[in-house]
Amino acid sequence: MTLRDEVERIWPELEWIENDGLREKVTACWVRAFERSPLEPEDLSRIPFTLKVPDCPVSFLAHKRLVVHVARQSGLSIRELFGEALPVDMDTLIAGAILADVGKLLEYEGDGTGGTRQSMRGRYLRHPFTGVALAMEAGLPDAVCHIVATHAGEGNMVARTTEAWIVHHADFMTYEPFVSRLDASHS
């Protein structure tokens, strides 16, 4: 199985992107990320989605796929209930959601004991930065790169597009409960 086949296997949501050229660029971005990463596609089902929650019980892939599903459903609901009052570009939304954490493939590495740690590159450049670099290299549109750049806290410094707000909230609503459980257990 080629790396491309592996990317398509772990990301069935790629099929939700209607524009063939955009879907191809999103796929190519993930292939590039794996080519530069110490991680393999099968690692994404094993590694934690965040290093900020000790013994995180949710894998990177489970979290990322949930973010894509929540973002897509949110976009569809906004379209249905708000119509043209708040337009949502679904292809841009889905592409950005799929790519939001692609930079973590350069931020994470194995720790030598079966666990995961932040790489030296990750200490210097958090995943929104490396993710944007990968996305730009793959020729993705600026609107998609904007979502990658602004999905995390770094995005609080700029104006987000509608699609970026959706991905940001989909990401944080599936992350923050883990942090609050952790905070509550230490009170």
N, C-alpha and C. Protein backbone atom coordinates (compact mmCIF):
# COMPACT_ATOMS: atom_id res chain seq x y z
N MET A 1 0.85 -1.18 0.00
CA MET A 1 0.00 0.00 0.00
C MET A 1 0.89 1.24 0.00
N THR A 2 0.61 2.18 -0.89
CA THR A 2 1.39 3.41 -0.96
C THR A 2 1.00 4.35 0.17
N LEU A 3 1.82 5.34 0.40
CA LEU A 3 1.53 6.36 1.41
C LEU A 3 0.23 7.09 1.08
N ARG A 4 0.01 7.35 -0.19
CA ARG A 4 -1.23 7.97 -0.64
C ARG A 4 -2.43 7.10 -0.29
N ASP A 5 -2.32 5.80 -0.53
CA ASP A 5 -3.40 4.87 -0.18
C ASP A 5 -3.67 4.91 1.32
N GLU A 6 -2.59 4.98 2.10
CA GLU A 6 -2.74 5.04 3.56
C GLU A 6 -3.47 6.32 3.98
N VAL A 7 -3.11 7.44 3.38
CA VAL A 7 -3.77 8.71 3.70
C VAL A 7 -5.26 8.61 3.36
N GLU A 8 -5.58 8.07 2.21
CA GLU A 8 -6.99 7.92 1.83
C GLU A 8 -7.72 6.96 2.75
N ARG A 9 -7.02 5.95 3.26
CA ARG A 9 -7.64 4.99 4.18
C ARG A 9 -7.95 5.65 5.52
N ILE A 10 -7.01 6.42 6.06
CA ILE A 10 -7.25 7.01 7.38
C ILE A 10 -8.16 8.23 7.32
N TRP A 11 -8.31 8.81 6.13
CA TRP A 11 -9.16 9.99 5.96
C TRP A 11 -10.28 9.74 4.95
N PRO A 12 -11.27 8.90 5.29
CA PRO A 12 -12.39 8.71 4.36
C PRO A 12 -13.16 10.01 4.13
N GLU A 13 -13.04 10.96 5.05
CA GLU A 13 -13.71 12.25 4.94
C GLU A 13 -13.20 13.09 3.76
N LEU A 14 -12.07 12.71 3.18
CA LEU A 14 -11.60 13.40 1.98
C LEU A 14 -12.67 13.40 0.89
N GLU A 15 -13.47 12.36 0.84
CA GLU A 15 -14.52 12.25 -0.17
C GLU A 15 -15.58 13.34 -0.03
N TRP A 16 -15.67 13.97 1.12
CA TRP A 16 -16.63 15.05 1.31
C TRP A 16 -16.22 16.33 0.58
N ILE A 17 -14.96 16.42 0.18
CA ILE A 17 -14.50 17.59 -0.57
C ILE A 17 -14.90 17.38 -2.03
N GLU A 18 -15.81 18.20 -2.50
CA GLU A 18 -16.34 18.02 -3.85
C GLU A 18 -15.36 18.40 -4.95
N ASN A 19 -14.55 19.42 -4.72
CA ASN A 19 -13.60 19.88 -5.72
C ASN A 19 -12.43 18.90 -5.80
N ASP A 20 -12.28 18.24 -6.95
CA ASP A 20 -11.23 17.23 -7.11
C ASP A 20 -9.83 17.79 -6.89
N GLY A 21 -9.57 18.99 -7.40
CA GLY A 21 -8.25 19.60 -7.24
C GLY A 21 -7.93 19.89 -5.79
N LEU A 22 -8.92 20.39 -5.04
CA LEU A 22 -8.71 20.68 -3.63
C LEU A 22 -8.50 19.38 -2.85
N ARG A 23 -9.31 18.36 -3.14
CA ARG A 23 -9.15 17.06 -2.47
C ARG A 23 -7.75 16.50 -2.72
N GLU A 24 -7.26 16.64 -3.94
CA GLU A 24 -5.92 16.16 -4.29
C GLU A 24 -4.84 16.90 -3.50
N LYS A 25 -4.99 18.21 -3.35
CA LYS A 25 -4.00 19.00 -2.61
C LYS A 25 -4.01 18.67 -1.12
N VAL A 26 -5.18 18.42 -0.56
CA VAL A 26 -5.27 18.03 0.85
C VAL A 26 -4.58 16.68 1.05
N THR A 27 -4.86 15.74 0.15
CA THR A 27 -4.21 14.42 0.21
C THR A 27 -2.70 14.57 0.09
N ALA A 28 -2.26 15.36 -0.88
CA ALA A 28 -0.82 15.56 -1.10
C ALA A 28 -0.15 16.19 0.12
N CYS A 29 -0.87 17.08 0.81
CA CYS A 29 -0.31 17.71 2.01
C CYS A 29 -0.05 16.66 3.09
N TRP A 30 -1.01 15.76 3.29
CA TRP A 30 -0.81 14.71 4.29
C TRP A 30 0.33 13.77 3.89
N VAL A 31 0.45 13.46 2.60
CA VAL A 31 1.55 12.62 2.13
C VAL A 31 2.88 13.31 2.44
N ARG A 32 2.99 14.60 2.14
CA ARG A 32 4.22 15.36 2.43
C ARG A 32 4.54 15.34 3.92
N ALA A 33 3.50 15.50 4.73
CA ALA A 33 3.71 15.51 6.18
C ALA A 33 4.29 14.17 6.64
N PHE A 34 3.74 13.09 6.15
CA PHE A 34 4.27 11.77 6.54
C PHE A 34 5.68 11.55 6.01
N GLU A 35 5.99 12.07 4.83
CA GLU A 35 7.34 11.93 4.28
C GLU A 35 8.37 12.63 5.15
N ARG A 36 7.97 13.68 5.86
CA ARG A 36 8.88 14.46 6.69
C ARG A 36 8.81 14.10 8.17
N SER A 37 7.90 13.21 8.52
CA SER A 37 7.63 12.91 9.93
C SER A 37 8.26 11.58 10.35
N PRO A 38 8.60 11.47 11.63
CA PRO A 38 9.02 10.16 12.14
C PRO A 38 7.81 9.23 12.37
N LEU A 39 6.61 9.79 12.25
CA LEU A 39 5.39 9.01 12.48
C LEU A 39 4.94 8.31 11.21
N GLU A 40 4.26 7.21 11.40
CA GLU A 40 3.66 6.45 10.30
C GLU A 40 2.14 6.59 10.40
N PRO A 41 1.41 6.35 9.31
CA PRO A 41 -0.05 6.48 9.37
C PRO A 41 -0.70 5.68 10.51
N GLU A 42 -0.21 4.48 10.77
CA GLU A 42 -0.81 3.67 11.84
C GLU A 42 -0.57 4.26 13.23
N ASP A 43 0.44 5.12 13.37
CA ASP A 43 0.71 5.76 14.66
C ASP A 43 -0.43 6.69 15.08
N LEU A 44 -1.14 7.26 14.12
CA LEU A 44 -2.17 8.25 14.44
C LEU A 44 -3.33 7.65 15.22
N SER A 45 -3.51 6.35 15.13
CA SER A 45 -4.56 5.68 15.92
C SER A 45 -4.06 5.31 17.32
N ARG A 46 -2.78 5.52 17.57
CA ARG A 46 -2.17 5.16 18.85
C ARG A 46 -1.75 6.36 19.68
N ILE A 47 -1.22 7.38 19.03
CA ILE A 47 -0.67 8.52 19.78
C ILE A 47 -1.80 9.40 20.30
N PRO A 48 -1.56 10.12 21.41
CA PRO A 48 -2.60 11.01 21.95
C PRO A 48 -2.80 12.22 21.04
N PHE A 49 -4.01 12.77 21.07
CA PHE A 49 -4.26 13.95 20.24
C PHE A 49 -3.64 15.19 20.84
N THR A 50 -3.33 15.15 22.13
CA THR A 50 -2.66 16.28 22.76
C THR A 50 -1.64 15.76 23.76
N LEU A 51 -0.57 16.50 23.91
CA LEU A 51 0.43 16.17 24.93
C LEU A 51 0.16 16.95 26.21
N LYS A 52 -0.86 17.81 26.20
CA LYS A 52 -1.16 18.65 27.35
C LYS A 52 -2.07 17.96 28.37
N VAL A 53 -2.58 16.78 28.03
CA VAL A 53 -3.43 16.01 28.94
C VAL A 53 -2.68 14.71 29.26
N PRO A 54 -2.20 14.56 30.50
CA PRO A 54 -1.49 13.33 30.84
C PRO A 54 -2.36 12.10 30.62
N ASP A 55 -1.78 11.07 30.04
CA ASP A 55 -2.50 9.82 29.76
C ASP A 55 -3.77 10.07 28.96
N CYS A 56 -3.69 10.93 27.99
CA CYS A 56 -4.83 11.28 27.15
C CYS A 56 -5.45 10.01 26.58
N PRO A 57 -6.75 9.78 26.82
CA PRO A 57 -7.38 8.53 26.41
C PRO A 57 -7.89 8.51 24.96
N VAL A 58 -7.70 9.61 24.21
CA VAL A 58 -8.22 9.70 22.85
C VAL A 58 -7.06 9.85 21.88
N SER A 59 -7.10 9.07 20.82
CA SER A 59 -6.01 9.11 19.84
C SER A 59 -6.11 10.35 18.96
N PHE A 60 -5.00 10.66 18.34
CA PHE A 60 -4.92 11.77 17.39
C PHE A 60 -5.99 11.61 16.32
N LEU A 61 -6.05 10.43 15.70
CA LEU A 61 -6.97 10.23 14.58
C LEU A 61 -8.43 10.31 15.03
N ALA A 62 -8.77 9.74 16.17
CA ALA A 62 -10.16 9.80 16.65
C ALA A 62 -10.56 11.26 16.88
N HIS A 63 -9.70 12.03 17.51
CA HIS A 63 -10.00 13.44 17.76
C HIS A 63 -10.13 14.21 16.46
N LYS A 64 -9.16 14.05 15.56
CA LYS A 64 -9.18 14.81 14.32
C LYS A 64 -10.40 14.47 13.48
N ARG A 65 -10.75 13.21 13.41
CA ARG A 65 -11.93 12.83 12.62
C ARG A 65 -13.19 13.42 13.26
N LEU A 66 -13.26 13.44 14.60
CA LEU A 66 -14.41 14.04 15.26
C LEU A 66 -14.49 15.53 14.95
N VAL A 67 -13.37 16.22 14.97
CA VAL A 67 -13.35 17.65 14.64
C VAL A 67 -13.91 17.86 13.23
N VAL A 68 -13.51 17.03 12.29
CA VAL A 68 -14.00 17.17 10.91
C VAL A 68 -15.51 16.94 10.87
N HIS A 69 -15.99 15.92 11.57
CA HIS A 69 -17.42 15.62 11.57
C HIS A 69 -18.22 16.76 12.23
N VAL A 70 -17.75 17.25 13.36
CA VAL A 70 -18.45 18.34 14.05
C VAL A 70 -18.44 19.60 13.18
N ALA A 71 -17.31 19.91 12.57
CA ALA A 71 -17.22 21.10 11.71
C ALA A 71 -18.16 20.97 10.52
N ARG A 72 -18.17 19.82 9.89
CA ARG A 72 -19.04 19.63 8.72
C ARG A 72 -20.51 19.77 9.11
N GLN A 73 -20.89 19.12 10.19
CA GLN A 73 -22.29 19.19 10.61
C GLN A 73 -22.67 20.63 10.99
N SER A 74 -21.76 21.32 11.64
CA SER A 74 -22.00 22.73 11.97
C SER A 74 -22.19 23.57 10.71
N GLY A 75 -21.32 23.36 9.74
CA GLY A 75 -21.43 24.11 8.48
C GLY A 75 -22.74 23.83 7.77
N LEU A 76 -23.15 22.57 7.75
CA LEU A 76 -24.42 22.22 7.11
C LEU A 76 -25.60 22.84 7.86
N SER A 77 -25.54 22.84 9.18
CA SER A 77 -26.62 23.43 9.98
C SER A 77 -26.68 24.94 9.78
N ILE A 78 -25.54 25.59 9.73
CA ILE A 78 -25.51 27.04 9.49
C ILE A 78 -26.11 27.35 8.13
N ARG A 79 -25.73 26.57 7.13
CA ARG A 79 -26.28 26.77 5.79
C ARG A 79 -27.80 26.60 5.79
N GLU A 80 -28.26 25.55 6.45
CA GLU A 80 -29.69 25.25 6.48
C GLU A 80 -30.49 26.34 7.19
N LEU A 81 -30.01 26.78 8.34
CA LEU A 81 -30.79 27.69 9.17
C LEU A 81 -30.52 29.17 8.90
N PHE A 82 -29.33 29.52 8.44
CA PHE A 82 -29.00 30.92 8.18
C PHE A 82 -28.99 31.25 6.69
N GLY A 83 -28.88 30.25 5.85
CA GLY A 83 -28.83 30.49 4.42
C GLY A 83 -27.71 31.42 4.03
N GLU A 84 -28.01 32.38 3.19
CA GLU A 84 -27.00 33.32 2.69
C GLU A 84 -26.63 34.40 3.70
N ALA A 85 -27.32 34.43 4.84
CA ALA A 85 -26.97 35.43 5.87
C ALA A 85 -25.57 35.16 6.43
N LEU A 86 -25.14 33.91 6.40
CA LEU A 86 -23.80 33.54 6.85
C LEU A 86 -23.30 32.40 5.95
N PRO A 87 -22.80 32.75 4.76
CA PRO A 87 -22.36 31.71 3.82
C PRO A 87 -21.20 30.90 4.38
N VAL A 88 -21.20 29.61 4.07
CA VAL A 88 -20.13 28.71 4.47
C VAL A 88 -19.66 27.96 3.23
N ASP A 89 -18.37 28.04 2.94
CA ASP A 89 -17.77 27.28 1.85
C ASP A 89 -17.42 25.91 2.41
N MET A 90 -18.24 24.92 2.09
CA MET A 90 -18.08 23.60 2.70
C MET A 90 -16.76 22.93 2.31
N ASP A 91 -16.32 23.08 1.07
CA ASP A 91 -15.05 22.47 0.68
C ASP A 91 -13.89 23.08 1.47
N THR A 92 -13.88 24.39 1.61
CA THR A 92 -12.84 25.06 2.39
C THR A 92 -12.91 24.61 3.84
N LEU A 93 -14.11 24.56 4.39
CA LEU A 93 -14.31 24.13 5.78
C LEU A 93 -13.78 22.72 6.02
N ILE A 94 -14.17 21.79 5.18
CA ILE A 94 -13.76 20.39 5.36
C ILE A 94 -12.26 20.24 5.15
N ALA A 95 -11.72 20.88 4.10
CA ALA A 95 -10.27 20.80 3.85
C ALA A 95 -9.50 21.36 5.05
N GLY A 96 -9.93 22.51 5.56
CA GLY A 96 -9.26 23.11 6.72
C GLY A 96 -9.35 22.25 7.96
N ALA A 97 -10.50 21.63 8.17
CA ALA A 97 -10.67 20.76 9.34
C ALA A 97 -9.77 19.53 9.24
N ILE A 98 -9.68 18.95 8.05
CA ILE A 98 -8.82 17.77 7.86
C ILE A 98 -7.34 18.14 8.06
N LEU A 99 -6.98 19.35 7.69
CA LEU A 99 -5.57 19.76 7.76
C LEU A 99 -5.18 20.49 9.03
N ALA A 100 -6.12 20.83 9.89
CA ALA A 100 -5.83 21.69 11.04
C ALA A 100 -4.61 21.22 11.84
N ASP A 101 -4.48 19.94 12.07
CA ASP A 101 -3.37 19.44 12.89
C ASP A 101 -2.32 18.68 12.09
N VAL A 102 -2.27 18.87 10.78
CA VAL A 102 -1.27 18.17 9.97
C VAL A 102 0.14 18.49 10.44
N GLY A 103 0.36 19.68 10.97
CA GLY A 103 1.68 20.08 11.47
C GLY A 103 2.14 19.29 12.68
N LYS A 104 1.20 18.63 13.37
CA LYS A 104 1.61 17.82 14.52
C LYS A 104 2.50 16.65 14.09
N LEU A 105 2.44 16.28 12.82
CA LEU A 105 3.33 15.23 12.35
C LEU A 105 4.78 15.67 12.40
N LEU A 106 5.01 16.98 12.44
CA LEU A 106 6.36 17.53 12.60
C LEU A 106 6.62 17.98 14.03
N GLU A 107 5.57 18.06 14.84
CA GLU A 107 5.70 18.51 16.22
C GLU A 107 5.88 17.33 17.18
N TYR A 108 5.43 16.16 16.80
CA TYR A 108 5.48 14.97 17.65
C TYR A 108 6.56 14.01 17.17
N GLU A 109 7.06 13.22 18.11
CA GLU A 109 7.98 12.13 17.80
C GLU A 109 7.85 11.09 18.89
N GLY A 110 8.35 9.89 18.62
CA GLY A 110 8.36 8.85 19.64
C GLY A 110 9.36 9.21 20.73
N ASP A 111 9.09 8.71 21.95
CA ASP A 111 10.01 9.01 23.06
C ASP A 111 10.97 7.87 23.36
N GLY A 112 10.94 6.82 22.53
CA GLY A 112 11.84 5.69 22.71
C GLY A 112 11.29 4.61 23.63
N THR A 113 10.16 4.88 24.28
CA THR A 113 9.56 3.89 25.19
C THR A 113 8.13 3.53 24.77
N GLY A 114 7.76 3.89 23.54
CA GLY A 114 6.41 3.62 23.06
C GLY A 114 5.47 4.80 23.24
N GLY A 115 5.95 5.86 23.89
CA GLY A 115 5.14 7.05 24.09
C GLY A 115 5.43 8.10 23.04
N THR A 116 4.89 9.27 23.26
CA THR A 116 5.05 10.38 22.32
C THR A 116 5.50 11.62 23.09
N ARG A 117 6.35 12.42 22.45
CA ARG A 117 6.80 13.67 23.05
C ARG A 117 6.89 14.73 21.96
N GLN A 118 7.08 15.96 22.41
CA GLN A 118 7.26 17.06 21.48
C GLN A 118 8.67 16.99 20.90
N SER A 119 8.77 17.14 19.60
CA SER A 119 10.08 17.12 18.95
C SER A 119 10.79 18.46 19.17
N MET A 120 12.07 18.50 18.86
CA MET A 120 12.81 19.76 18.95
C MET A 120 12.17 20.80 18.04
N ARG A 121 11.79 20.40 16.82
CA ARG A 121 11.12 21.34 15.92
C ARG A 121 9.84 21.84 16.55
N GLY A 122 9.11 20.95 17.20
CA GLY A 122 7.86 21.33 17.86
C GLY A 122 8.05 22.33 18.98
N ARG A 123 9.21 22.30 19.61
CA ARG A 123 9.50 23.28 20.67
C ARG A 123 9.68 24.67 20.08
N TYR A 124 10.19 24.72 18.86
CA TYR A 124 10.40 26.01 18.20
C TYR A 124 9.19 26.47 17.40
N LEU A 125 8.52 25.53 16.76
CA LEU A 125 7.42 25.85 15.85
C LEU A 125 6.22 24.97 16.17
N ARG A 126 5.19 25.56 16.76
CA ARG A 126 3.99 24.77 17.02
C ARG A 126 3.31 24.37 15.71
N HIS A 127 2.43 23.40 15.81
CA HIS A 127 1.83 22.80 14.62
C HIS A 127 1.05 23.75 13.72
N PRO A 128 0.44 24.84 14.20
CA PRO A 128 -0.19 25.75 13.22
C PRO A 128 0.83 26.32 12.23
N PHE A 129 2.05 26.57 12.69
CA PHE A 129 3.08 27.13 11.81
C PHE A 129 3.59 26.10 10.81
N THR A 130 3.94 24.91 11.31
CA THR A 130 4.43 23.88 10.40
C THR A 130 3.31 23.39 9.48
N GLY A 131 2.09 23.40 9.99
CA GLY A 131 0.94 23.00 9.17
C GLY A 131 0.71 23.95 8.00
N VAL A 132 0.82 25.25 8.27
CA VAL A 132 0.68 26.23 7.19
C VAL A 132 1.80 26.05 6.17
N ALA A 133 3.02 25.81 6.63
CA ALA A 133 4.14 25.61 5.70
C ALA A 133 3.87 24.42 4.79
N LEU A 134 3.40 23.31 5.38
CA LEU A 134 3.07 22.13 4.58
C LEU A 134 1.94 22.42 3.60
N ALA A 135 0.91 23.12 4.07
CA ALA A 135 -0.26 23.42 3.22
C ALA A 135 0.13 24.34 2.06
N MET A 136 0.94 25.34 2.34
CA MET A 136 1.38 26.24 1.27
C MET A 136 2.24 25.50 0.25
N GLU A 137 3.11 24.64 0.75
CA GLU A 137 3.96 23.86 -0.15
C GLU A 137 3.13 22.96 -1.05
N ALA A 138 2.00 22.47 -0.53
CA ALA A 138 1.12 21.61 -1.32
C ALA A 138 0.21 22.41 -2.25
N GLY A 139 0.32 23.74 -2.21
CA GLY A 139 -0.45 24.58 -3.12
C GLY A 139 -1.89 24.83 -2.70
N LEU A 140 -2.16 24.67 -1.40
CA LEU A 140 -3.53 24.88 -0.93
C LEU A 140 -3.89 26.36 -0.94
N PRO A 141 -5.17 26.68 -1.16
CA PRO A 141 -5.58 28.09 -1.19
C PRO A 141 -5.38 28.76 0.16
N ASP A 142 -5.20 30.06 0.12
CA ASP A 142 -5.00 30.84 1.34
C ASP A 142 -6.15 30.66 2.33
N ALA A 143 -7.37 30.50 1.86
CA ALA A 143 -8.52 30.33 2.76
C ALA A 143 -8.38 29.07 3.59
N VAL A 144 -7.81 28.02 3.03
CA VAL A 144 -7.58 26.77 3.78
C VAL A 144 -6.38 26.95 4.71
N CYS A 145 -5.31 27.56 4.22
CA CYS A 145 -4.13 27.83 5.06
C CYS A 145 -4.52 28.68 6.27
N HIS A 146 -5.43 29.62 6.07
CA HIS A 146 -5.92 30.48 7.15
C HIS A 146 -6.54 29.63 8.27
N ILE A 147 -7.31 28.61 7.92
CA ILE A 147 -7.93 27.75 8.93
C ILE A 147 -6.85 27.01 9.72
N VAL A 148 -5.85 26.48 9.02
CA VAL A 148 -4.75 25.79 9.69
C VAL A 148 -4.04 26.75 10.64
N ALA A 149 -3.80 27.96 10.18
CA ALA A 149 -3.07 28.96 10.97
C ALA A 149 -3.84 29.42 12.19
N THR A 150 -5.17 29.48 12.10
CA THR A 150 -5.95 30.12 13.15
C THR A 150 -6.77 29.16 14.00
N HIS A 151 -6.64 27.85 13.79
CA HIS A 151 -7.50 26.92 14.54
C HIS A 151 -7.15 26.87 16.02
N ALA A 152 -5.92 27.18 16.38
CA ALA A 152 -5.47 27.10 17.78
C ALA A 152 -5.37 28.53 18.35
N GLY A 153 -4.79 28.63 19.52
CA GLY A 153 -4.68 29.91 20.21
C GLY A 153 -3.97 30.98 19.41
N GLU A 154 -3.04 30.59 18.56
CA GLU A 154 -2.34 31.57 17.73
C GLU A 154 -3.32 32.38 16.89
N GLY A 155 -4.45 31.81 16.57
CA GLY A 155 -5.44 32.49 15.75
C GLY A 155 -6.19 33.59 16.47
N ASN A 156 -6.01 33.71 17.78
CA ASN A 156 -6.69 34.75 18.53
C ASN A 156 -6.15 36.14 18.21
N MET A 157 -5.08 36.20 17.48
CA MET A 157 -4.45 37.49 17.16
C MET A 157 -4.92 38.07 15.83
N VAL A 158 -5.74 37.34 15.08
CA VAL A 158 -6.20 37.80 13.77
C VAL A 158 -7.71 37.59 13.64
N ALA A 159 -8.29 38.23 12.64
CA ALA A 159 -9.71 38.02 12.35
C ALA A 159 -9.87 36.68 11.63
N ARG A 160 -10.75 35.84 12.15
CA ARG A 160 -11.00 34.53 11.54
C ARG A 160 -12.16 34.61 10.55
N THR A 161 -12.08 33.80 9.50
CA THR A 161 -13.21 33.64 8.60
C THR A 161 -14.27 32.79 9.29
N THR A 162 -15.45 32.75 8.71
CA THR A 162 -16.52 31.90 9.25
C THR A 162 -16.05 30.45 9.35
N GLU A 163 -15.43 29.95 8.30
CA GLU A 163 -14.97 28.56 8.30
C GLU A 163 -13.91 28.33 9.38
N ALA A 164 -13.03 29.31 9.58
CA ALA A 164 -12.00 29.18 10.62
C ALA A 164 -12.62 29.17 12.01
N TRP A 165 -13.65 29.99 12.24
CA TRP A 165 -14.34 29.97 13.54
C TRP A 165 -14.97 28.61 13.79
N ILE A 166 -15.57 28.04 12.77
CA ILE A 166 -16.21 26.73 12.94
C ILE A 166 -15.18 25.68 13.33
N VAL A 167 -14.07 25.62 12.61
CA VAL A 167 -13.03 24.62 12.92
C VAL A 167 -12.44 24.89 14.30
N HIS A 168 -12.18 26.15 14.61
CA HIS A 168 -11.63 26.50 15.92
C HIS A 168 -12.54 25.97 17.04
N HIS A 169 -13.83 26.23 16.94
CA HIS A 169 -14.74 25.79 17.99
C HIS A 169 -14.93 24.28 17.99
N ALA A 170 -14.96 23.66 16.83
CA ALA A 170 -15.05 22.19 16.77
C ALA A 170 -13.84 21.56 17.46
N ASP A 171 -12.68 22.15 17.24
CA ASP A 171 -11.45 21.64 17.86
C ASP A 171 -11.48 21.84 19.37
N PHE A 172 -11.81 23.04 19.82
CA PHE A 172 -11.76 23.33 21.25
C PHE A 172 -12.89 22.67 22.04
N MET A 173 -14.05 22.48 21.43
CA MET A 173 -15.14 21.82 22.17
C MET A 173 -14.85 20.33 22.37
N THR A 174 -13.91 19.79 21.59
CA THR A 174 -13.55 18.38 21.76
C THR A 174 -12.18 18.23 22.44
N TYR A 175 -11.63 19.36 22.92
CA TYR A 175 -10.37 19.38 23.67
C TYR A 175 -10.58 19.89 25.09
N GLU A 176 -11.24 21.02 25.23
CA GLU A 176 -11.40 21.67 26.54
C GLU A 176 -12.01 20.77 27.62
N PRO A 177 -12.98 19.91 27.31
CA PRO A 177 -13.52 19.05 28.39
C PRO A 177 -12.45 18.16 29.03
N PHE A 178 -11.45 17.76 28.27
CA PHE A 178 -10.37 16.95 28.84
C PHE A 178 -9.54 17.79 29.81
N VAL A 179 -9.30 19.04 29.44
CA VAL A 179 -8.53 19.94 30.30
C VAL A 179 -9.32 20.25 31.56
N SER A 180 -10.64 20.51 31.44
CA SER A 180 -11.43 20.83 32.64
C SER A 180 -11.54 19.63 33.57
N ARG A 181 -11.61 18.42 33.00
CA ARG A 181 -11.63 17.22 33.87
C ARG A 181 -10.32 17.12 34.62
N LEU A 182 -9.23 17.42 33.95
CA LEU A 182 -7.93 17.38 34.57
C LEU A 182 -7.83 18.43 35.69
N ASP A 183 -8.29 19.66 35.38
CA ASP A 183 -8.27 20.72 36.38
C ASP A 183 -9.13 20.35 37.59
N ALA A 184 -10.30 19.78 37.35
CA ALA A 184 -11.22 19.41 38.44
C ALA A 184 -10.62 18.31 39.31
N SER A 185 -9.88 17.40 38.70
CA SER A 185 -9.29 16.30 39.47
C SER A 185 -8.11 16.78 40.35
N HIS A 186 -7.58 17.96 40.03
CA HIS A 186 -6.47 18.51 40.83
C HIS A 186 -6.93 19.57 41.83
N SER A 187 -8.23 19.78 41.94
CA SER A 187 -8.73 20.80 42.88
C SER A 187 -8.88 20.24 44.27
